[in-house]
Amino acid sequence: MQALPGANPENPHARLPRVWGWILIAPMVVWLALFVLAPLGILFVYSLGTTGELGMVEFGLNWGNYARAFDPIYLKILARSIGYAALTTALCLIIGYPVGWFIARQRPVVRNRLLLLVMIPFWTSFLIRTYAWIAILKSEGLLNATLLAAKVIPQPLELLYTPFAVMIGLVYAYLPFMILPVYGSAEKLDNALVEAAHDLGAGPLRAFGEVIIPLTWPGIAAGMLLVFVPAIGMFAITDLMGGARVSMIGNVIHNQFTKALNYPFGAALGIIFTLLFVLTYALLQWRGRKRA
């Protein structure tokens, strides 16, 4: 059989697509190298140092910072951070999946308007939105005032500076990051596959669990990753809405760099946090391959 033109590996034109591919991704590779790999390398070097006099960092080969990270105090804070992040992810998935699915099933005009509503919070500063929730939840805030006026409660509820307030802030902040990936997967789902499942005798729950969930799993996995990892490291919401009473790993890292001036230990915690991100990503990828 005669070879197709250009199929010969020795033909220089056969290499052009691959060369152009590398040229196209070169800016992304450079960006990742400069703003991801290089900072991580600097962080790792700092994590092996020690804090000398006047807070100066003395570079060396000290693994004690990583050993200190496994102190029961910090393990408890890390476990709390993972718990809060997991609960935030679960709530965002429970709320965001139906919303993303509903938007994907609408006509294009309605769909675009609903997506605009999801994106509107990004038009406002994150801090302004957080302070708005503080104004709503505080003792003399809008929520308590409404409940008191309706005589639902006899006295104001202590909602602010509680774990409840922290959860509200986290879910509100990261809910769009769950809705949008789910919408992206649901919008591409072929309705004929769902109809075929019903025609073959599958009920609504079975069709949802065996057809819809597997086909929209990429969006679910992306949403879980975009919510879970940032939620672990979030410190602004816990400081502002938790009143620094709900300490998470992000608060510890922030305090090590800004108050304790212990850069090596803060860097070690940062490296461990990055490894946790990699582990989460690997678990989601493994789960996705298992479903496939």
C-alpha atoms as a PDB file:
ATOM      1  CA  MET A   1       0.000   0.000   0.000  1.00  0.00           C
ATOM      2  CA  GLN A   2       1.368   3.379  -0.986  1.00  0.00           C
ATOM      3  CA  ALA A   3       2.103   5.698   1.941  1.00  0.00           C
ATOM      4  CA  LEU A   4       0.074   8.834   2.200  1.00  0.00           C
ATOM      5  CA  PRO A   5       1.842  12.091   1.353  1.00  0.00           C
ATOM      6  CA  GLY A   6       3.488  13.597   4.390  1.00  0.00           C
ATOM      7  CA  ALA A   7       3.238  10.362   6.402  1.00  0.00           C
ATOM      8  CA  ASN A   8       6.970   9.756   6.136  1.00  0.00           C
ATOM      9  CA  PRO A   9       8.588  10.677   9.460  1.00  0.00           C
ATOM     10  CA  GLU A  10      11.627  11.897   7.554  1.00  0.00           C
ATOM     11  CA  ASN A  11       9.506  14.458   5.770  1.00  0.00           C
ATOM     12  CA  PRO A  12      10.177  17.810   7.501  1.00  0.00           C
ATOM     13  CA  HIS A  13       6.584  18.885   6.839  1.00  0.00           C
ATOM     14  CA  ALA A  14       5.373  16.059   9.082  1.00  0.00           C
ATOM     15  CA  ARG A  15       7.049  17.732  12.034  1.00  0.00           C
ATOM     16  CA  LEU A  16       5.448  21.122  11.476  1.00  0.00           C
ATOM     17  CA  PRO A  17       2.226  20.477  13.445  1.00  0.00           C
ATOM     18  CA  ARG A  18       4.183  19.298  16.496  1.00  0.00           C
ATOM     19  CA  VAL A  19       6.561  22.269  16.274  1.00  0.00           C
ATOM     20  CA  TRP A  20       3.675  24.711  16.013  1.00  0.00           C
ATOM     21  CA  GLY A  21       2.028  22.998  18.969  1.00  0.00           C
ATOM     22  CA  TRP A  22       5.077  23.656  21.146  1.00  0.00           C
ATOM     23  CA  ILE A  23       5.234  27.238  19.908  1.00  0.00           C
ATOM     24  CA  LEU A  24       1.585  27.804  20.854  1.00  0.00           C
ATOM     25  CA  ILE A  25       1.974  26.443  24.396  1.00  0.00           C
ATOM     26  CA  ALA A  26       5.353  28.117  24.968  1.00  0.00           C
ATOM     27  CA  PRO A  27       3.819  31.228  26.666  1.00  0.00           C
ATOM     28  CA  MET A  28       1.905  28.996  29.087  1.00  0.00           C
ATOM     29  CA  VAL A  29       5.028  26.954  29.856  1.00  0.00           C
ATOM     30  CA  VAL A  30       7.022  30.135  30.520  1.00  0.00           C
ATOM     31  CA  TRP A  31       4.235  31.523  32.717  1.00  0.00           C
ATOM     32  CA  LEU A  32       4.075  28.304  34.755  1.00  0.00           C
ATOM     33  CA  ALA A  33       7.845  28.221  35.131  1.00  0.00           C
ATOM     34  CA  LEU A  34       8.108  31.842  36.281  1.00  0.00           C
ATOM     35  CA  PHE A  35       5.028  32.141  38.486  1.00  0.00           C
ATOM     36  CA  VAL A  36       4.432  28.587  39.724  1.00  0.00           C
ATOM     37  CA  LEU A  37       7.584  26.462  39.680  1.00  0.00           C
ATOM     38  CA  ALA A  38      10.045  29.239  40.567  1.00  0.00           C
ATOM     39  CA  PRO A  39       8.023  30.488  43.600  1.00  0.00           C
ATOM     40  CA  LEU A  40       7.585  26.894  44.769  1.00  0.00           C
ATOM     41  CA  GLY A  41      11.341  26.383  44.489  1.00  0.00           C
ATOM     42  CA  ILE A  42      11.998  29.531  46.537  1.00  0.00           C
ATOM     43  CA  LEU A  43       9.412  28.400  49.089  1.00  0.00           C
ATOM     44  CA  PHE A  44      11.099  25.000  49.367  1.00  0.00           C
ATOM     45  CA  VAL A  45      14.527  26.591  49.910  1.00  0.00           C
ATOM     46  CA  TYR A  46      13.076  28.802  52.660  1.00  0.00           C
ATOM     47  CA  SER A  47      11.372  25.795  54.276  1.00  0.00           C
ATOM     48  CA  LEU A  48      14.775  24.178  54.870  1.00  0.00           C
ATOM     49  CA  GLY A  49      16.147  27.214  56.692  1.00  0.00           C
ATOM     50  CA  THR A  50      15.965  28.441  60.254  1.00  0.00           C
ATOM     51  CA  THR A  51      15.032  31.745  61.856  1.00  0.00           C
ATOM     52  CA  GLY A  52      18.041  33.550  63.256  1.00  0.00           C
ATOM     53  CA  GLU A  53      18.427  36.758  65.191  1.00  0.00           C
ATOM     54  CA  LEU A  54      16.075  39.629  64.393  1.00  0.00           C
ATOM     55  CA  GLY A  55      13.942  37.265  62.285  1.00  0.00           C
ATOM     56  CA  MET A  56      16.602  36.816  59.601  1.00  0.00           C
ATOM     57  CA  VAL A  57      16.452  33.549  57.686  1.00  0.00           C
ATOM     58  CA  GLU A  58      19.520  31.321  57.827  1.00  0.00           C
ATOM     59  CA  PHE A  59      19.483  28.948  54.892  1.00  0.00           C
ATOM     60  CA  GLY A  60      20.526  25.349  55.364  1.00  0.00           C
ATOM     61  CA  LEU A  61      19.228  21.809  55.279  1.00  0.00           C
ATOM     62  CA  ASN A  62      16.855  21.698  58.223  1.00  0.00           C
ATOM     63  CA  TRP A  63      13.897  19.292  58.024  1.00  0.00           C
ATOM     64  CA  GLY A  64      12.699  20.293  61.481  1.00  0.00           C
ATOM     65  CA  ASN A  65      10.109  22.666  60.069  1.00  0.00           C
ATOM     66  CA  TYR A  66       8.339  19.759  58.383  1.00  0.00           C
ATOM     67  CA  ALA A  67       8.536  17.695  61.568  1.00  0.00           C
ATOM     68  CA  ARG A  68       7.035  20.597  63.510  1.00  0.00           C
ATOM     69  CA  ALA A  69       4.140  20.739  61.052  1.00  0.00           C
ATOM     70  CA  PHE A  70       3.054  17.312  62.333  1.00  0.00           C
ATOM     71  CA  ASP A  71       2.765  18.560  65.899  1.00  0.00           C
ATOM     72  CA  PRO A  72      -0.693  17.621  67.296  1.00  0.00           C
ATOM     73  CA  ILE A  73      -1.648  21.308  67.495  1.00  0.00           C
ATOM     74  CA  TYR A  74      -1.101  21.885  63.781  1.00  0.00           C
ATOM     75  CA  LEU A  75      -2.536  18.489  62.827  1.00  0.00           C
ATOM     76  CA  LYS A  76      -5.713  19.471  64.648  1.00  0.00           C
ATOM     77  CA  ILE A  77      -5.860  22.764  62.732  1.00  0.00           C
ATOM     78  CA  LEU A  78      -5.187  20.947  59.456  1.00  0.00           C
ATOM     79  CA  ALA A  79      -7.927  18.399  60.225  1.00  0.00           C
ATOM     80  CA  ARG A  80     -10.325  21.257  60.999  1.00  0.00           C
ATOM     81  CA  SER A  81      -9.374  22.968  57.740  1.00  0.00           C
ATOM     82  CA  ILE A  82      -9.972  19.784  55.754  1.00  0.00           C
ATOM     83  CA  GLY A  83     -13.305  19.285  57.525  1.00  0.00           C
ATOM     84  CA  TYR A  84     -14.476  22.824  56.775  1.00  0.00           C
ATOM     85  CA  ALA A  85     -13.285  22.557  53.175  1.00  0.00           C
ATOM     86  CA  ALA A  86     -14.988  19.169  52.714  1.00  0.00           C
ATOM     87  CA  LEU A  87     -18.258  20.485  54.150  1.00  0.00           C
ATOM     88  CA  THR A  88     -18.010  23.583  51.951  1.00  0.00           C
ATOM     89  CA  THR A  89     -17.431  21.386  48.897  1.00  0.00           C
ATOM     90  CA  ALA A  90     -20.373  19.121  49.784  1.00  0.00           C
ATOM     91  CA  LEU A  91     -22.732  22.071  50.302  1.00  0.00           C
ATOM     92  CA  CYS A  92     -21.573  23.743  47.090  1.00  0.00           C
ATOM     93  CA  LEU A  93     -22.130  20.474  45.208  1.00  0.00           C
ATOM     94  CA  ILE A  94     -25.598  19.945  46.702  1.00  0.00           C
ATOM     95  CA  ILE A  95     -26.604  23.515  45.871  1.00  0.00           C
ATOM     96  CA  GLY A  96     -24.568  24.058  42.724  1.00  0.00           C
ATOM     97  CA  TYR A  97     -25.271  20.843  40.805  1.00  0.00           C
ATOM     98  CA  PRO A  98     -29.048  21.412  40.453  1.00  0.00           C
ATOM     99  CA  VAL A  99     -28.401  25.050  39.561  1.00  0.00           C
ATOM    100  CA  GLY A 100     -25.799  24.167  36.925  1.00  0.00           C
ATOM    101  CA  TRP A 101     -28.042  21.425  35.514  1.00  0.00           C
ATOM    102  CA  PHE A 102     -31.065  23.748  35.417  1.00  0.00           C
ATOM    103  CA  ILE A 103     -29.140  26.481  33.608  1.00  0.00           C
ATOM    104  CA  ALA A 104     -27.780  23.999  31.047  1.00  0.00           C
ATOM    105  CA  ARG A 105     -31.311  22.789  30.194  1.00  0.00           C
ATOM    106  CA  GLN A 106     -32.661  26.265  29.387  1.00  0.00           C
ATOM    107  CA  ARG A 107     -33.026  28.024  26.052  1.00  0.00           C
ATOM    108  CA  PRO A 108     -29.905  29.987  24.987  1.00  0.00           C
ATOM    109  CA  VAL A 109     -31.426  33.383  25.840  1.00  0.00           C
ATOM    110  CA  VAL A 110     -32.531  32.315  29.325  1.00  0.00           C
ATOM    111  CA  ARG A 111     -29.286  30.405  29.827  1.00  0.00           C
ATOM    112  CA  ASN A 112     -27.159  33.476  29.144  1.00  0.00           C
ATOM    113  CA  ARG A 113     -29.198  35.581  31.561  1.00  0.00           C
ATOM    114  CA  LEU A 114     -28.893  32.989  34.311  1.00  0.00           C
ATOM    115  CA  LEU A 115     -25.146  32.704  33.746  1.00  0.00           C
ATOM    116  CA  LEU A 116     -24.950  36.479  34.053  1.00  0.00           C
ATOM    117  CA  LEU A 117     -26.639  36.259  37.449  1.00  0.00           C
ATOM    118  CA  VAL A 118     -24.081  33.667  38.560  1.00  0.00           C
ATOM    119  CA  MET A 119     -21.226  35.913  37.419  1.00  0.00           C
ATOM    120  CA  ILE A 120     -22.550  39.150  38.966  1.00  0.00           C
ATOM    121  CA  PRO A 121     -20.841  38.593  42.366  1.00  0.00           C
ATOM    122  CA  PHE A 122     -17.457  38.667  40.597  1.00  0.00           C
ATOM    123  CA  TRP A 123     -18.149  42.255  39.583  1.00  0.00           C
ATOM    124  CA  THR A 124     -17.786  43.326  43.219  1.00  0.00           C
ATOM    125  CA  SER A 125     -14.697  43.169  45.404  1.00  0.00           C
ATOM    126  CA  PHE A 126     -14.438  40.026  47.528  1.00  0.00           C
ATOM    127  CA  LEU A 127     -13.898  42.108  50.673  1.00  0.00           C
ATOM    128  CA  ILE A 128     -16.979  44.241  49.982  1.00  0.00           C
ATOM    129  CA  ARG A 129     -19.086  41.090  49.622  1.00  0.00           C
ATOM    130  CA  THR A 130     -17.665  39.709  52.871  1.00  0.00           C
ATOM    131  CA  TYR A 131     -18.396  42.939  54.750  1.00  0.00           C
ATOM    132  CA  ALA A 132     -21.927  42.839  53.309  1.00  0.00           C
ATOM    133  CA  TRP A 133     -22.428  39.447  54.971  1.00  0.00           C
ATOM    134  CA  ILE A 134     -21.058  40.891  58.212  1.00  0.00           C
ATOM    135  CA  ALA A 135     -23.686  43.650  58.021  1.00  0.00           C
ATOM    136  CA  ILE A 136     -26.369  41.002  57.473  1.00  0.00           C
ATOM    137  CA  LEU A 137     -25.316  38.593  60.237  1.00  0.00           C
ATOM    138  CA  LYS A 138     -24.277  40.917  63.074  1.00  0.00           C
ATOM    139  CA  SER A 139     -26.521  41.300  66.123  1.00  0.00           C
ATOM    140  CA  GLU A 140     -28.043  44.566  64.902  1.00  0.00           C
ATOM    141  CA  GLY A 141     -27.883  43.485  61.262  1.00  0.00           C
ATOM    142  CA  LEU A 142     -30.535  42.962  58.616  1.00  0.00           C
ATOM    143  CA  LEU A 143     -31.297  39.315  59.414  1.00  0.00           C
ATOM    144  CA  ASN A 144     -31.770  39.815  63.138  1.00  0.00           C
ATOM    145  CA  ALA A 145     -33.753  42.993  62.571  1.00  0.00           C
ATOM    146  CA  THR A 146     -36.104  41.149  60.205  1.00  0.00           C
ATOM    147  CA  LEU A 147     -36.586  38.222  62.584  1.00  0.00           C
ATOM    148  CA  LEU A 148     -37.190  40.545  65.515  1.00  0.00           C
ATOM    149  CA  ALA A 149     -39.698  42.612  63.547  1.00  0.00           C
ATOM    150  CA  ALA A 150     -41.550  39.426  62.582  1.00  0.00           C
ATOM    151  CA  LYS A 151     -41.412  38.321  66.247  1.00  0.00           C
ATOM    152  CA  VAL A 152     -39.781  35.043  65.249  1.00  0.00           C
ATOM    153  CA  ILE A 153     -37.082  35.434  67.908  1.00  0.00           C
ATOM    154  CA  PRO A 154     -37.251  37.234  71.275  1.00  0.00           C
ATOM    155  CA  GLN A 155     -33.677  38.536  71.110  1.00  0.00           C
ATOM    156  CA  PRO A 156     -30.914  38.857  68.503  1.00  0.00           C
ATOM    157  CA  LEU A 157     -29.111  35.683  67.513  1.00  0.00           C
ATOM    158  CA  GLU A 158     -25.329  35.478  67.834  1.00  0.00           C
ATOM    159  CA  LEU A 159     -24.564  34.498  64.251  1.00  0.00           C
ATOM    160  CA  LEU A 160     -21.410  36.463  63.495  1.00  0.00           C
ATOM    161  CA  TYR A 161     -17.992  35.212  64.624  1.00  0.00           C
ATOM    162  CA  THR A 162     -19.196  31.612  64.717  1.00  0.00           C
ATOM    163  CA  PRO A 163     -18.445  28.500  62.631  1.00  0.00           C
ATOM    164  CA  PHE A 164     -21.901  28.997  61.091  1.00  0.00           C
ATOM    165  CA  ALA A 165     -20.880  32.410  59.765  1.00  0.00           C
ATOM    166  CA  VAL A 166     -17.619  30.991  58.415  1.00  0.00           C
ATOM    167  CA  MET A 167     -19.510  28.280  56.521  1.00  0.00           C
ATOM    168  CA  ILE A 168     -21.891  30.838  55.030  1.00  0.00           C
ATOM    169  CA  GLY A 169     -18.951  32.931  53.873  1.00  0.00           C
ATOM    170  CA  LEU A 170     -17.105  29.961  52.364  1.00  0.00           C
ATOM    171  CA  VAL A 171     -20.140  28.575  50.528  1.00  0.00           C
ATOM    172  CA  TYR A 172     -21.091  32.005  49.218  1.00  0.00           C
ATOM    173  CA  ALA A 173     -17.539  32.700  48.022  1.00  0.00           C
ATOM    174  CA  TYR A 174     -16.998  29.401  46.201  1.00  0.00           C
ATOM    175  CA  LEU A 175     -20.471  28.406  44.998  1.00  0.00           C
ATOM    176  CA  PRO A 176     -19.976  29.914  41.498  1.00  0.00           C
ATOM    177  CA  PHE A 177     -16.817  27.810  41.107  1.00  0.00           C
ATOM    178  CA  MET A 178     -19.018  24.721  41.424  1.00  0.00           C
ATOM    179  CA  ILE A 179     -21.911  25.929  39.303  1.00  0.00           C
ATOM    180  CA  LEU A 180     -19.864  26.906  36.239  1.00  0.00           C
ATOM    181  CA  PRO A 181     -17.944  23.609  35.728  1.00  0.00           C
ATOM    182  CA  VAL A 182     -21.118  21.577  36.317  1.00  0.00           C
ATOM    183  CA  TYR A 183     -22.917  23.763  33.799  1.00  0.00           C
ATOM    184  CA  GLY A 184     -20.116  23.194  31.277  1.00  0.00           C
ATOM    185  CA  SER A 185     -20.474  19.410  31.527  1.00  0.00           C
ATOM    186  CA  ALA A 186     -24.278  19.390  31.688  1.00  0.00           C
ATOM    187  CA  GLU A 187     -24.569  21.672  28.668  1.00  0.00           C
ATOM    188  CA  LYS A 188     -22.639  19.143  26.541  1.00  0.00           C
ATOM    189  CA  LEU A 189     -24.714  16.167  27.736  1.00  0.00           C
ATOM    190  CA  ASP A 190     -26.780  14.579  24.959  1.00  0.00           C
ATOM    191  CA  ASN A 191     -30.401  14.266  26.088  1.00  0.00           C
ATOM    192  CA  ALA A 192     -30.788  11.245  23.834  1.00  0.00           C
ATOM    193  CA  LEU A 193     -28.623   9.235  26.235  1.00  0.00           C
ATOM    194  CA  VAL A 194     -30.905  10.035  29.159  1.00  0.00           C
ATOM    195  CA  GLU A 195     -33.980   9.225  27.086  1.00  0.00           C
ATOM    196  CA  ALA A 196     -32.393   5.937  26.024  1.00  0.00           C
ATOM    197  CA  ALA A 197     -31.827   5.031  29.674  1.00  0.00           C
ATOM    198  CA  HIS A 198     -35.497   5.658  30.421  1.00  0.00           C
ATOM    199  CA  ASP A 199     -36.543   3.628  27.361  1.00  0.00           C
ATOM    200  CA  LEU A 200     -34.446   0.717  28.652  1.00  0.00           C
ATOM    201  CA  GLY A 201     -36.341   0.733  31.928  1.00  0.00           C
ATOM    202  CA  ALA A 202     -34.151   2.904  34.132  1.00  0.00           C
ATOM    203  CA  GLY A 203     -36.021   5.033  36.633  1.00  0.00           C
ATOM    204  CA  PRO A 204     -35.118   8.659  37.388  1.00  0.00           C
ATOM    205  CA  LEU A 205     -32.724   7.774  40.227  1.00  0.00           C
ATOM    206  CA  ARG A 206     -30.963   5.019  38.277  1.00  0.00           C
ATOM    207  CA  ALA A 207     -30.650   7.196  35.174  1.00  0.00           C
ATOM    208  CA  PHE A 208     -29.243   9.981  37.323  1.00  0.00           C
ATOM    209  CA  GLY A 209     -26.720   7.737  39.088  1.00  0.00           C
ATOM    210  CA  GLU A 210     -25.612   5.601  36.130  1.00  0.00           C
ATOM    211  CA  VAL A 211     -25.910   7.995  33.186  1.00  0.00           C
ATOM    212  CA  ILE A 212     -26.036  11.641  34.208  1.00  0.00           C
ATOM    213  CA  ILE A 213     -23.471  11.583  37.029  1.00  0.00           C
ATOM    214  CA  PRO A 214     -20.779   9.658  35.050  1.00  0.00           C
ATOM    215  CA  LEU A 215     -21.229  11.890  31.991  1.00  0.00           C
ATOM    216  CA  THR A 216     -21.039  15.097  34.038  1.00  0.00           C
ATOM    217  CA  TRP A 217     -18.257  13.825  36.306  1.00  0.00           C
ATOM    218  CA  PRO A 218     -15.544  16.011  34.674  1.00  0.00           C
ATOM    219  CA  GLY A 219     -17.501  19.111  35.703  1.00  0.00           C
ATOM    220  CA  ILE A 220     -18.115  17.728  39.186  1.00  0.00           C
ATOM    221  CA  ALA A 221     -14.423  16.902  39.635  1.00  0.00           C
ATOM    222  CA  ALA A 222     -13.341  20.331  38.387  1.00  0.00           C
ATOM    223  CA  GLY A 223     -15.817  22.042  40.713  1.00  0.00           C
ATOM    224  CA  MET A 224     -14.708  19.985  43.704  1.00  0.00           C
ATOM    225  CA  LEU A 225     -11.075  20.853  43.003  1.00  0.00           C
ATOM    226  CA  LEU A 226     -11.822  24.563  42.540  1.00  0.00           C
ATOM    227  CA  VAL A 227     -13.762  24.671  45.820  1.00  0.00           C
ATOM    228  CA  PHE A 228     -11.943  22.244  48.123  1.00  0.00           C
ATOM    229  CA  VAL A 229      -8.355  23.429  47.725  1.00  0.00           C
ATOM    230  CA  PRO A 230      -8.921  27.214  48.059  1.00  0.00           C
ATOM    231  CA  ALA A 231     -11.344  26.642  50.948  1.00  0.00           C
ATOM    232  CA  ILE A 232      -8.591  24.927  52.956  1.00  0.00           C
ATOM    233  CA  GLY A 233      -6.252  27.884  52.608  1.00  0.00           C
ATOM    234  CA  MET A 234      -8.824  30.653  52.998  1.00  0.00           C
ATOM    235  CA  PHE A 235      -7.965  32.993  55.882  1.00  0.00           C
ATOM    236  CA  ALA A 236      -9.789  36.248  55.064  1.00  0.00           C
ATOM    237  CA  ILE A 237     -13.260  34.836  55.695  1.00  0.00           C
ATOM    238  CA  THR A 238     -12.230  33.084  58.901  1.00  0.00           C
ATOM    239  CA  ASP A 239     -10.637  36.305  60.162  1.00  0.00           C
ATOM    240  CA  LEU A 240     -13.494  38.623  59.202  1.00  0.00           C
ATOM    241  CA  MET A 241     -16.550  36.431  59.748  1.00  0.00           C
ATOM    242  CA  GLY A 242     -15.054  34.064  62.323  1.00  0.00           C
ATOM    243  CA  GLY A 243     -13.455  36.792  64.379  1.00  0.00           C
ATOM    244  CA  ALA A 244     -10.186  34.810  64.414  1.00  0.00           C
ATOM    245  CA  ARG A 245     -11.964  32.271  66.626  1.00  0.00           C
ATOM    246  CA  VAL A 246     -12.033  29.607  63.910  1.00  0.00           C
ATOM    247  CA  SER A 247      -8.381  29.088  63.067  1.00  0.00           C
ATOM    248  CA  MET A 248      -7.555  27.262  59.829  1.00  0.00           C
ATOM    249  CA  ILE A 249      -4.294  26.336  58.157  1.00  0.00           C
ATOM    250  CA  GLY A 250      -4.461  29.453  55.972  1.00  0.00           C
ATOM    251  CA  ASN A 251      -4.547  31.624  59.093  1.00  0.00           C
ATOM    252  CA  VAL A 252      -1.535  29.797  60.539  1.00  0.00           C
ATOM    253  CA  ILE A 253       0.513  30.283  57.345  1.00  0.00           C
ATOM    254  CA  HIS A 254      -0.519  33.941  57.136  1.00  0.00           C
ATOM    255  CA  ASN A 255       0.446  34.556  60.765  1.00  0.00           C
ATOM    256  CA  GLN A 256       3.837  32.864  60.356  1.00  0.00           C
ATOM    257  CA  PHE A 257       4.764  35.311  57.600  1.00  0.00           C
ATOM    258  CA  THR A 258       3.173  38.483  58.991  1.00  0.00           C
ATOM    259  CA  LYS A 259       3.252  38.222  62.798  1.00  0.00           C
ATOM    260  CA  ALA A 260       5.616  35.480  63.950  1.00  0.00           C
ATOM    261  CA  LEU A 261       8.080  36.306  61.115  1.00  0.00           C
ATOM    262  CA  ASN A 262       8.987  32.612  60.977  1.00  0.00           C
ATOM    263  CA  TYR A 263       9.378  32.337  57.219  1.00  0.00           C
ATOM    264  CA  PRO A 264      10.895  28.819  57.190  1.00  0.00           C
ATOM    265  CA  PHE A 265       8.013  27.257  59.118  1.00  0.00           C
ATOM    266  CA  GLY A 266       5.435  29.189  57.099  1.00  0.00           C
ATOM    267  CA  ALA A 267       7.145  28.012  53.911  1.00  0.00           C
ATOM    268  CA  ALA A 268       7.087  24.399  55.121  1.00  0.00           C
ATOM    269  CA  LEU A 269       3.362  24.659  55.783  1.00  0.00           C
ATOM    270  CA  GLY A 270       2.949  26.145  52.304  1.00  0.00           C
ATOM    271  CA  ILE A 271       4.774  23.226  50.718  1.00  0.00           C
ATOM    272  CA  ILE A 272       2.631  20.752  52.646  1.00  0.00           C
ATOM    273  CA  PHE A 273      -0.465  22.628  51.501  1.00  0.00           C
ATOM    274  CA  THR A 274       0.731  22.376  47.886  1.00  0.00           C
ATOM    275  CA  LEU A 275       1.282  18.627  48.279  1.00  0.00           C
ATOM    276  CA  LEU A 276      -2.255  18.373  49.624  1.00  0.00           C
ATOM    277  CA  PHE A 277      -3.484  20.062  46.456  1.00  0.00           C
ATOM    278  CA  VAL A 278      -1.537  17.580  44.314  1.00  0.00           C
ATOM    279  CA  LEU A 279      -2.975  14.678  46.333  1.00  0.00           C
ATOM    280  CA  THR A 280      -6.524  15.987  45.893  1.00  0.00           C
ATOM    281  CA  TYR A 281      -5.986  16.362  42.158  1.00  0.00           C
ATOM    282  CA  ALA A 282      -4.546  12.836  41.896  1.00  0.00           C
ATOM    283  CA  LEU A 283      -7.483  11.354  43.820  1.00  0.00           C
ATOM    284  CA  LEU A 284     -10.007  13.089  41.569  1.00  0.00           C
ATOM    285  CA  GLN A 285      -8.134  11.922  38.467  1.00  0.00           C
ATOM    286  CA  TRP A 286      -8.033   8.365  39.806  1.00  0.00           C
ATOM    287  CA  ARG A 287     -11.755   8.523  40.570  1.00  0.00           C
ATOM    288  CA  GLY A 288     -12.436   9.803  37.065  1.00  0.00           C
ATOM    289  CA  ARG A 289     -10.439   6.981  35.432  1.00  0.00           C
ATOM    290  CA  LYS A 290     -12.200   4.446  37.629  1.00  0.00           C
ATOM    291  CA  ARG A 291     -15.589   5.749  36.513  1.00  0.00           C
ATOM    292  CA  ALA A 292     -14.481   5.662  32.878  1.00  0.00           C
END
